[in-house]
Protein backbone atom coordinates (compact mmCIF):
# COMPACT_ATOMS: atom_id res chain seq x y z
CA MET A 1 36.44 99.36 74.21
CA ASP A 2 33.54 97.13 74.65
CA LEU A 3 33.61 93.54 75.15
CA GLN A 4 31.45 92.93 71.79
CA VAL A 5 33.55 95.30 69.72
CA TRP A 6 36.69 93.66 71.11
CA ILE A 7 35.58 90.25 69.93
CA THR A 8 34.67 91.46 66.58
CA LEU A 9 38.09 92.97 66.27
CA LEU A 10 39.72 89.42 67.51
CA ILE A 11 37.81 87.62 64.91
CA ALA A 12 38.76 89.97 62.19
CA ALA A 13 42.47 89.66 63.33
CA ILE A 14 42.39 85.99 63.39
CA LEU A 15 40.94 86.10 60.02
CA ILE A 16 43.51 88.57 58.32
CA SER A 17 46.45 86.33 59.94
CA LEU A 18 45.17 82.99 58.84
CA SER A 19 44.18 83.99 55.13
CA PRO A 20 47.11 83.06 52.95
CA GLY A 21 49.49 85.74 52.04
CA ALA A 22 52.98 86.68 51.96
CA GLY A 23 53.59 86.80 55.75
CA ALA A 24 52.28 83.15 55.83
CA VAL A 25 54.52 82.08 53.15
CA THR A 26 57.55 83.81 54.60
CA SER A 27 56.76 82.18 58.07
CA MET A 28 56.54 78.87 56.58
CA SER A 29 59.60 79.19 54.26
CA TYR A 30 61.78 80.23 57.25
CA GLY A 31 60.42 77.55 59.33
CA LEU A 32 60.76 75.00 56.70
CA THR A 33 64.63 75.54 55.89
CA HIS A 34 65.79 77.27 59.04
CA GLY A 35 63.81 75.63 62.00
CA VAL A 36 61.18 77.19 64.47
CA ARG A 37 63.97 78.91 66.20
CA ASN A 38 65.43 80.66 63.50
CA ALA A 39 62.02 81.41 61.95
CA PHE A 40 61.00 83.10 65.01
CA PHE A 41 63.30 86.19 63.80
CA ALA A 42 61.32 86.46 60.48
CA VAL A 43 58.16 86.47 62.51
CA LEU A 44 59.58 89.23 64.81
CA GLY A 45 60.35 91.10 61.54
CA LEU A 46 56.79 90.69 60.22
CA GLN A 47 55.66 92.00 63.56
CA LEU A 48 57.76 95.20 62.98
CA GLY A 49 56.11 95.90 59.38
CA TRP A 50 52.83 94.93 60.68
CA MET A 51 52.91 97.28 63.38
CA THR A 52 54.63 100.21 61.63
CA GLN A 53 51.41 100.09 59.12
CA PHE A 54 49.20 99.99 62.19
CA LEU A 55 50.77 103.10 63.62
CA VAL A 56 50.98 104.75 60.21
CA VAL A 57 47.34 104.48 60.41
CA GLY A 58 46.79 105.08 64.08
CA ILE A 59 48.26 108.63 63.84
CA GLY A 60 46.37 109.64 60.80
CA LEU A 61 48.29 108.74 57.93
CA GLY A 62 46.43 106.15 56.58
CA GLY A 63 43.84 108.49 55.47
CA ILE A 64 46.24 110.86 53.85
CA ILE A 65 47.67 107.80 51.95
CA SER A 66 44.20 106.21 51.22
CA ALA A 67 43.38 109.95 49.58
CA SER A 68 46.39 110.01 47.46
CA VAL A 69 46.18 107.83 44.40
CA THR A 70 50.26 108.51 43.56
CA LEU A 71 51.20 107.44 46.93
CA PHE A 72 49.24 104.51 47.16
CA THR A 73 50.43 103.05 43.91
CA LEU A 74 53.86 103.94 44.76
CA ILE A 75 53.50 101.74 47.70
CA LYS A 76 51.39 98.99 45.89
CA TRP A 77 54.04 98.85 43.12
CA ILE A 78 56.69 98.54 45.33
CA GLY A 79 55.19 95.73 47.47
CA VAL A 80 54.38 94.03 43.93
CA ILE A 81 58.16 94.60 42.63
CA TYR A 82 59.32 92.83 46.01
CA LEU A 83 57.16 89.84 46.29
CA VAL A 84 57.55 89.01 42.58
CA TRP A 85 61.35 89.30 43.11
CA LEU A 86 61.19 87.01 46.20
CA GLY A 87 59.32 84.36 44.15
CA VAL A 88 61.75 84.65 41.20
CA GLN A 89 64.68 84.00 43.38
CA LYS A 90 62.82 80.92 45.17
CA TRP A 91 62.24 79.60 41.29
CA ARG A 92 66.07 79.82 40.98
CA GLU A 93 67.06 77.99 44.10
CA SER A 94 68.01 74.51 43.64
CA GLY A 95 67.27 71.80 46.22
CA GLU A 96 70.76 70.78 46.68
CA LEU A 97 71.79 74.43 47.49
CA LYS A 98 69.26 75.08 49.79
CA LEU A 99 69.88 71.98 51.87
CA LYS A 100 73.61 72.76 52.40
CA GLY A 101 73.09 76.46 52.64
CA VAL A 102 70.60 76.41 55.70
CA GLY A 103 73.27 76.50 58.34
CA VAL A 104 75.75 78.98 56.65
CA ALA A 105 73.58 81.19 54.67
CA PHE A 106 70.89 82.06 57.36
CA SER A 107 71.21 85.57 59.07
CA PRO A 108 68.94 86.46 61.86
CA TRP A 109 69.50 89.91 60.81
CA ARG A 110 68.80 89.82 57.21
CA ALA A 111 65.58 87.44 57.97
CA PHE A 112 64.57 90.14 60.36
CA TRP A 113 64.62 93.07 58.16
CA GLN A 114 63.32 91.16 54.62
CA SER A 115 60.45 90.07 56.61
CA ALA A 116 59.51 93.38 57.82
CA LEU A 117 60.07 94.63 54.34
CA VAL A 118 57.40 92.00 53.25
CA ASN A 119 54.97 93.60 55.40
CA LEU A 120 56.03 97.28 55.48
CA THR A 121 55.28 97.12 51.48
CA ASN A 122 52.14 95.45 51.85
CA PRO A 123 49.36 97.85 50.88
CA LYS A 124 46.65 95.27 51.59
CA ALA A 125 47.53 95.60 54.97
CA LEU A 126 47.29 98.97 54.99
CA VAL A 127 43.76 98.72 53.47
CA PHE A 128 42.67 96.58 55.79
CA LEU A 129 43.70 98.82 58.92
CA VAL A 130 42.20 102.05 57.07
CA ALA A 131 38.84 99.94 56.79
CA LEU A 132 39.20 98.32 60.54
CA LEU A 133 40.02 101.13 62.58
CA PRO A 134 37.12 103.56 62.23
CA GLN A 135 34.65 100.62 63.16
CA VAL A 136 36.30 99.61 66.19
CA LEU A 137 37.28 103.15 67.44
CA ASP A 138 35.19 105.00 69.90
CA PRO A 139 35.55 108.74 69.11
CA HIS A 140 34.19 109.64 72.82
CA ARG A 141 36.85 107.79 74.62
CA PRO A 142 40.42 108.38 74.81
CA GLN A 143 42.31 107.36 71.46
CA PRO A 144 45.73 106.30 72.96
CA LEU A 145 44.42 103.55 75.08
CA GLN A 146 41.96 102.18 72.50
CA LEU A 147 44.90 102.32 69.76
CA THR A 148 47.02 100.54 72.46
CA LEU A 149 44.85 97.73 72.87
CA ILE A 150 44.10 97.32 69.23
CA GLY A 151 47.92 97.04 68.42
CA LEU A 152 48.54 94.63 70.91
CA THR A 153 45.40 92.63 69.71
CA LEU A 154 46.50 92.70 66.44
CA LEU A 155 50.29 91.76 67.16
CA ALA A 156 49.43 89.32 69.43
CA VAL A 157 47.12 87.48 66.83
CA ASP A 158 49.67 87.56 64.09
CA LEU A 159 52.69 86.93 66.33
CA VAL A 160 50.89 83.33 67.37
CA VAL A 161 49.50 82.47 63.75
CA MET A 162 52.66 83.36 62.15
CA THR A 163 54.76 81.05 64.62
CA GLY A 164 52.09 78.47 64.08
CA TYR A 165 52.73 78.49 60.25
CA SER A 166 56.52 78.21 61.10
CA VAL A 167 56.01 74.96 63.37
CA MET A 168 53.99 73.17 60.84
CA ALA A 169 56.48 73.93 57.90
CA SER A 170 59.24 73.02 60.16
CA ARG A 171 57.57 69.50 61.01
CA MET A 172 58.06 68.93 57.15
CA ARG A 173 61.61 68.95 57.15
CA ARG A 174 62.48 65.35 57.12
CA TRP A 175 60.31 64.77 54.54
CA LEU A 176 61.48 67.70 52.13
CA ARG A 177 65.25 66.90 52.81
CA ASN A 178 64.84 65.18 49.29
CA THR A 179 66.64 67.59 46.82
CA ARG A 180 63.73 67.07 44.47
CA ALA A 181 61.01 67.70 47.00
CA VAL A 182 63.10 70.90 48.08
CA MET A 183 63.14 72.28 44.51
CA TRP A 184 59.59 71.71 44.21
CA GLN A 185 58.82 73.46 47.37
CA ASN A 186 60.94 76.38 46.23
CA ARG A 187 58.79 76.50 43.05
CA VAL A 188 55.64 76.49 45.05
CA THR A 189 56.61 78.70 47.31
CA GLY A 190 57.88 80.94 44.58
CA THR A 191 54.68 80.98 42.70
CA VAL A 192 52.38 81.63 45.82
CA LEU A 193 54.79 84.72 46.12
CA ILE A 194 54.54 85.70 42.59
CA GLY A 195 50.75 85.38 42.87
CA ALA A 196 50.62 87.30 46.11
CA GLY A 197 52.31 90.21 44.37
CA LEU A 198 50.14 89.97 41.14
CA LEU A 199 47.10 89.93 43.60
CA LEU A 200 48.54 93.14 45.30
CA SER A 201 48.63 94.77 42.03
CA THR A 202 44.82 94.59 42.00
CA ALA A 203 44.51 96.38 45.16
CA ARG A 204 42.57 99.35 44.65
CA ASN A 205 42.35 102.82 46.25
CA ARG A 206 39.27 103.35 48.76
CA VAL A 207 38.35 106.84 49.53
């Protein structure tokens, strides 16, 4: 892969990771309520979902999914329903319960797999990858090596950005120890998650 192509890939990866979305909300939520160290389990889960999407597209299934309206719609609505459900759960949480349950309710395994599911059921990421890979892959060069480089670039960028989101949110913990403030944070987070789900419902199949 040429350096210029890789720089273009890097810029695209940074932009997609920085753009507000379910991954950013998930990272910030865990960083805020459970601290940076615990949030890292959620960040790793996000990467599993992200890289699974990448592998699906990388081995050619992305083209099949993008060409199948039924399958694309199914994945899209699973993601929509899941994100809206997470948003509703956030709205139902009270500030007091959240603060008291931080140390007890947190489960690294659950944080990992719930976060993985957030990215795994995100058709927006799938569409992005389907559009991106043909632009940076050189058909005249070995595909495995190129896919490895692309995957590592996307993984490294998203890992750094999502960790950064959790660190940023973690530093707001003292201010948000107030139960009323936490309640409003839950509602803002829930609203963003619901909005992300509704935005995903507008994603259209591109053939």
